Every structure is written in structure tokens, then in C-alpha cells.
Amino acid sequence: MLNKIFGNNLKYFRFKRKYTQERLAELANMSVTYISQLEAGKHSPSFKKLECLAKALNVEAYEFYIEKKLDDLPTRVDMKF
């Protein structure tokens, strides 16, 4: 359950910043595959990786674990800037 909440929030914050998974992976020094697996709830990050993600997305680490209503998320980040 926590992995799913974390994954949904990671995706939510990434979309709010208009980052692709590739951009977030670059900023957090992680692989795109790992970011994808986190968002899908397949893995949970270590504390060190949690801190890197929070810094890259400019949020507090605890915010990843607060359940949100996420009905308004787009299916993809708009790549047009």
C-alpha cells in the first residue's frame, strides 16, 4: 500500500514540475527504469534515494507518503515547452 501511495505521489510531483521520467532520473541521478518502477509501486526507495528525489522535485520527503486524490493527473507530461 505505501509503495503505491509513494509511486502515485512521485508521479504527481513529477507532473506538477512538468518533468519527464528521463528528466527526473537525470536530476536525481537514477535510471529511468528505476523511476518507472517506483511510480508503478514495484519498489520503495532507500532513504538516500528518497532524499535525492525530494530535492529534485523540491518537496519534503514525507510528502511522498501522504495520500492524495489524483483524478486530475494527465496520462503523460506534455513534451512541448
N, C-alpha and C. Protein backbone atom coordinates (compact mmCIF):
# COMPACT_ATOMS: atom_id res chain seq x y z
N MET A 1 0.81 -1.20 0.00
CA MET A 1 0.00 0.00 0.00
C MET A 1 0.86 1.27 0.00
N LEU A 2 1.88 1.32 0.86
CA LEU A 2 2.74 2.51 0.90
C LEU A 2 3.50 2.70 -0.40
N ASN A 3 3.93 1.58 -1.02
CA ASN A 3 4.64 1.70 -2.30
C ASN A 3 3.75 2.36 -3.35
N LYS A 4 2.47 2.02 -3.35
CA LYS A 4 1.53 2.57 -4.33
C LYS A 4 1.30 4.07 -4.05
N ILE A 5 1.12 4.43 -2.79
CA ILE A 5 0.95 5.85 -2.42
C ILE A 5 2.20 6.63 -2.83
N PHE A 6 3.36 6.07 -2.50
CA PHE A 6 4.62 6.73 -2.88
C PHE A 6 4.69 6.92 -4.39
N GLY A 7 4.42 5.85 -5.13
CA GLY A 7 4.50 5.91 -6.59
C GLY A 7 3.56 6.93 -7.19
N ASN A 8 2.33 6.97 -6.70
CA ASN A 8 1.35 7.95 -7.20
C ASN A 8 1.81 9.37 -6.91
N ASN A 9 2.34 9.59 -5.71
CA ASN A 9 2.81 10.93 -5.35
C ASN A 9 4.06 11.33 -6.13
N LEU A 10 4.94 10.38 -6.37
CA LEU A 10 6.12 10.66 -7.17
C LEU A 10 5.69 11.13 -8.56
N LYS A 11 4.76 10.42 -9.15
CA LYS A 11 4.25 10.79 -10.47
C LYS A 11 3.56 12.16 -10.41
N TYR A 12 2.76 12.39 -9.36
CA TYR A 12 2.06 13.66 -9.18
C TYR A 12 3.05 14.82 -9.13
N PHE A 13 4.07 14.72 -8.30
CA PHE A 13 5.04 15.82 -8.17
C PHE A 13 5.85 15.98 -9.46
N ARG A 14 6.15 14.88 -10.12
CA ARG A 14 6.88 14.95 -11.39
C ARG A 14 6.04 15.69 -12.44
N PHE A 15 4.75 15.36 -12.51
CA PHE A 15 3.86 16.03 -13.46
C PHE A 15 3.70 17.50 -13.12
N LYS A 16 3.61 17.83 -11.83
CA LYS A 16 3.49 19.24 -11.44
C LYS A 16 4.69 20.05 -11.90
N ARG A 17 5.87 19.43 -11.91
CA ARG A 17 7.09 20.12 -12.36
C ARG A 17 7.27 20.02 -13.88
N LYS A 18 6.36 19.27 -14.52
CA LYS A 18 6.44 19.04 -15.97
C LYS A 18 7.74 18.35 -16.36
N TYR A 19 8.18 17.42 -15.52
CA TYR A 19 9.37 16.63 -15.80
C TYR A 19 8.95 15.31 -16.43
N THR A 20 9.72 14.88 -17.40
CA THR A 20 9.57 13.51 -17.90
C THR A 20 10.29 12.59 -16.91
N GLN A 21 10.07 11.30 -17.05
CA GLN A 21 10.81 10.36 -16.22
C GLN A 21 12.31 10.49 -16.50
N GLU A 22 12.65 10.75 -17.74
CA GLU A 22 14.06 10.92 -18.11
C GLU A 22 14.69 12.11 -17.40
N ARG A 23 13.95 13.22 -17.36
CA ARG A 23 14.48 14.42 -16.69
C ARG A 23 14.63 14.20 -15.19
N LEU A 24 13.64 13.59 -14.58
CA LEU A 24 13.73 13.31 -13.14
C LEU A 24 14.88 12.36 -12.86
N ALA A 25 15.03 11.34 -13.67
CA ALA A 25 16.13 10.39 -13.48
C ALA A 25 17.48 11.11 -13.54
N GLU A 26 17.60 12.02 -14.48
CA GLU A 26 18.83 12.80 -14.63
C GLU A 26 19.08 13.65 -13.39
N LEU A 27 18.07 14.36 -12.93
CA LEU A 27 18.22 15.25 -11.76
C LEU A 27 18.50 14.49 -10.48
N ALA A 28 17.93 13.29 -10.36
CA ALA A 28 18.08 12.50 -9.13
C ALA A 28 19.22 11.48 -9.24
N ASN A 29 19.89 11.45 -10.39
CA ASN A 29 20.99 10.52 -10.61
C ASN A 29 20.54 9.06 -10.44
N MET A 30 19.44 8.73 -11.12
CA MET A 30 18.87 7.39 -11.08
C MET A 30 18.53 6.98 -12.51
N SER A 31 18.23 5.71 -12.70
CA SER A 31 17.86 5.26 -14.04
C SER A 31 16.37 5.52 -14.30
N VAL A 32 16.03 5.66 -15.56
CA VAL A 32 14.64 5.83 -15.96
C VAL A 32 13.83 4.60 -15.56
N THR A 33 14.41 3.43 -15.72
CA THR A 33 13.73 2.19 -15.35
C THR A 33 13.37 2.19 -13.87
N TYR A 34 14.30 2.64 -13.03
CA TYR A 34 14.04 2.68 -11.59
C TYR A 34 12.92 3.67 -11.26
N ILE A 35 12.93 4.84 -11.90
CA ILE A 35 11.86 5.82 -11.68
C ILE A 35 10.52 5.21 -12.07
N SER A 36 10.48 4.54 -13.21
CA SER A 36 9.26 3.90 -13.69
C SER A 36 8.76 2.85 -12.69
N GLN A 37 9.66 2.05 -12.17
CA GLN A 37 9.29 1.02 -11.20
C GLN A 37 8.80 1.63 -9.89
N LEU A 38 9.40 2.74 -9.47
CA LEU A 38 8.92 3.43 -8.27
C LEU A 38 7.51 3.93 -8.48
N GLU A 39 7.26 4.56 -9.62
CA GLU A 39 5.93 5.09 -9.91
C GLU A 39 4.88 4.00 -10.00
N ALA A 40 5.28 2.83 -10.43
CA ALA A 40 4.36 1.69 -10.54
C ALA A 40 4.15 0.99 -9.20
N GLY A 41 4.87 1.41 -8.18
CA GLY A 41 4.73 0.80 -6.86
C GLY A 41 5.45 -0.53 -6.71
N LYS A 42 6.39 -0.81 -7.60
CA LYS A 42 7.10 -2.09 -7.58
C LYS A 42 8.29 -2.10 -6.63
N HIS A 43 8.77 -0.92 -6.27
CA HIS A 43 9.92 -0.79 -5.36
C HIS A 43 9.66 0.36 -4.40
N SER A 44 10.41 0.35 -3.31
CA SER A 44 10.41 1.50 -2.41
C SER A 44 11.85 2.00 -2.34
N PRO A 45 12.04 3.31 -2.28
CA PRO A 45 13.40 3.85 -2.31
C PRO A 45 14.08 3.76 -0.94
N SER A 46 15.40 3.74 -0.99
CA SER A 46 16.17 3.87 0.25
C SER A 46 16.02 5.31 0.74
N PHE A 47 16.44 5.57 1.97
CA PHE A 47 16.37 6.93 2.49
C PHE A 47 17.21 7.89 1.65
N LYS A 48 18.36 7.43 1.22
CA LYS A 48 19.24 8.28 0.39
C LYS A 48 18.56 8.63 -0.93
N LYS A 49 17.94 7.65 -1.57
CA LYS A 49 17.26 7.91 -2.84
C LYS A 49 16.02 8.77 -2.62
N LEU A 50 15.34 8.56 -1.51
CA LEU A 50 14.18 9.39 -1.18
C LEU A 50 14.60 10.85 -1.06
N GLU A 51 15.71 11.11 -0.40
CA GLU A 51 16.22 12.47 -0.27
C GLU A 51 16.57 13.07 -1.62
N CYS A 52 17.18 12.28 -2.50
CA CYS A 52 17.54 12.77 -3.84
C CYS A 52 16.29 13.13 -4.64
N LEU A 53 15.26 12.28 -4.56
CA LEU A 53 14.01 12.56 -5.28
C LEU A 53 13.33 13.81 -4.73
N ALA A 54 13.30 13.94 -3.41
CA ALA A 54 12.67 15.10 -2.79
C ALA A 54 13.39 16.39 -3.21
N LYS A 55 14.69 16.33 -3.23
CA LYS A 55 15.48 17.51 -3.64
C LYS A 55 15.22 17.84 -5.11
N ALA A 56 15.21 16.83 -5.97
CA ALA A 56 15.00 17.04 -7.40
C ALA A 56 13.62 17.63 -7.69
N LEU A 57 12.63 17.27 -6.87
CA LEU A 57 11.26 17.73 -7.08
C LEU A 57 10.88 18.91 -6.17
N ASN A 58 11.81 19.32 -5.32
CA ASN A 58 11.60 20.45 -4.42
C ASN A 58 10.39 20.24 -3.50
N VAL A 59 10.34 19.07 -2.88
CA VAL A 59 9.30 18.76 -1.90
C VAL A 59 9.97 18.16 -0.67
N GLU A 60 9.22 18.11 0.41
CA GLU A 60 9.70 17.44 1.62
C GLU A 60 9.50 15.94 1.45
N ALA A 61 10.42 15.14 1.94
CA ALA A 61 10.36 13.69 1.75
C ALA A 61 9.07 13.08 2.28
N TYR A 62 8.56 13.57 3.39
CA TYR A 62 7.34 12.99 3.96
C TYR A 62 6.13 13.16 3.04
N GLU A 63 6.16 14.16 2.16
CA GLU A 63 5.02 14.42 1.28
C GLU A 63 4.75 13.27 0.31
N PHE A 64 5.74 12.44 0.06
CA PHE A 64 5.54 11.29 -0.82
C PHE A 64 4.60 10.25 -0.21
N TYR A 65 4.40 10.31 1.09
CA TYR A 65 3.61 9.29 1.78
C TYR A 65 2.25 9.79 2.26
N ILE A 66 1.84 10.97 1.83
CA ILE A 66 0.52 11.49 2.17
C ILE A 66 -0.41 11.19 1.01
N GLU A 67 -1.45 10.41 1.26
CA GLU A 67 -2.36 10.00 0.20
C GLU A 67 -3.14 11.20 -0.33
N LYS A 68 -3.18 11.32 -1.65
CA LYS A 68 -3.87 12.42 -2.31
C LYS A 68 -4.92 11.86 -3.27
N LYS A 69 -5.88 12.68 -3.60
CA LYS A 69 -6.83 12.33 -4.66
C LYS A 69 -6.17 12.77 -5.97
N LEU A 70 -5.92 11.82 -6.85
CA LEU A 70 -5.11 12.11 -8.03
C LEU A 70 -5.90 11.96 -9.33
N ASP A 71 -7.17 12.29 -9.33
CA ASP A 71 -8.00 12.13 -10.51
C ASP A 71 -7.64 13.08 -11.65
N ASP A 72 -6.99 14.19 -11.33
CA ASP A 72 -6.75 15.21 -12.34
C ASP A 72 -5.40 15.10 -13.04
N LEU A 73 -4.68 14.00 -12.84
CA LEU A 73 -3.39 13.85 -13.49
C LEU A 73 -3.54 13.51 -14.96
N PRO A 74 -2.75 14.15 -15.81
CA PRO A 74 -2.76 13.74 -17.22
C PRO A 74 -2.09 12.38 -17.36
N THR A 75 -2.26 11.73 -18.50
CA THR A 75 -1.64 10.44 -18.70
C THR A 75 -0.17 10.58 -19.08
N ARG A 76 0.20 11.74 -19.60
CA ARG A 76 1.59 11.98 -19.99
C ARG A 76 1.97 13.43 -19.73
N VAL A 77 3.25 13.67 -19.58
CA VAL A 77 3.75 15.04 -19.50
C VAL A 77 3.80 15.60 -20.91
N ASP A 78 3.29 16.80 -21.10
CA ASP A 78 3.34 17.46 -22.40
C ASP A 78 4.79 17.83 -22.71
N MET A 79 5.31 17.29 -23.77
CA MET A 79 6.72 17.50 -24.11
C MET A 79 6.96 18.82 -24.82
N LYS A 80 5.91 19.58 -25.13
CA LYS A 80 6.07 20.87 -25.82
C LYS A 80 6.33 21.96 -24.79
N PHE A 81 7.45 22.65 -24.93
CA PHE A 81 7.78 23.70 -23.97
C PHE A 81 7.74 25.06 -24.62
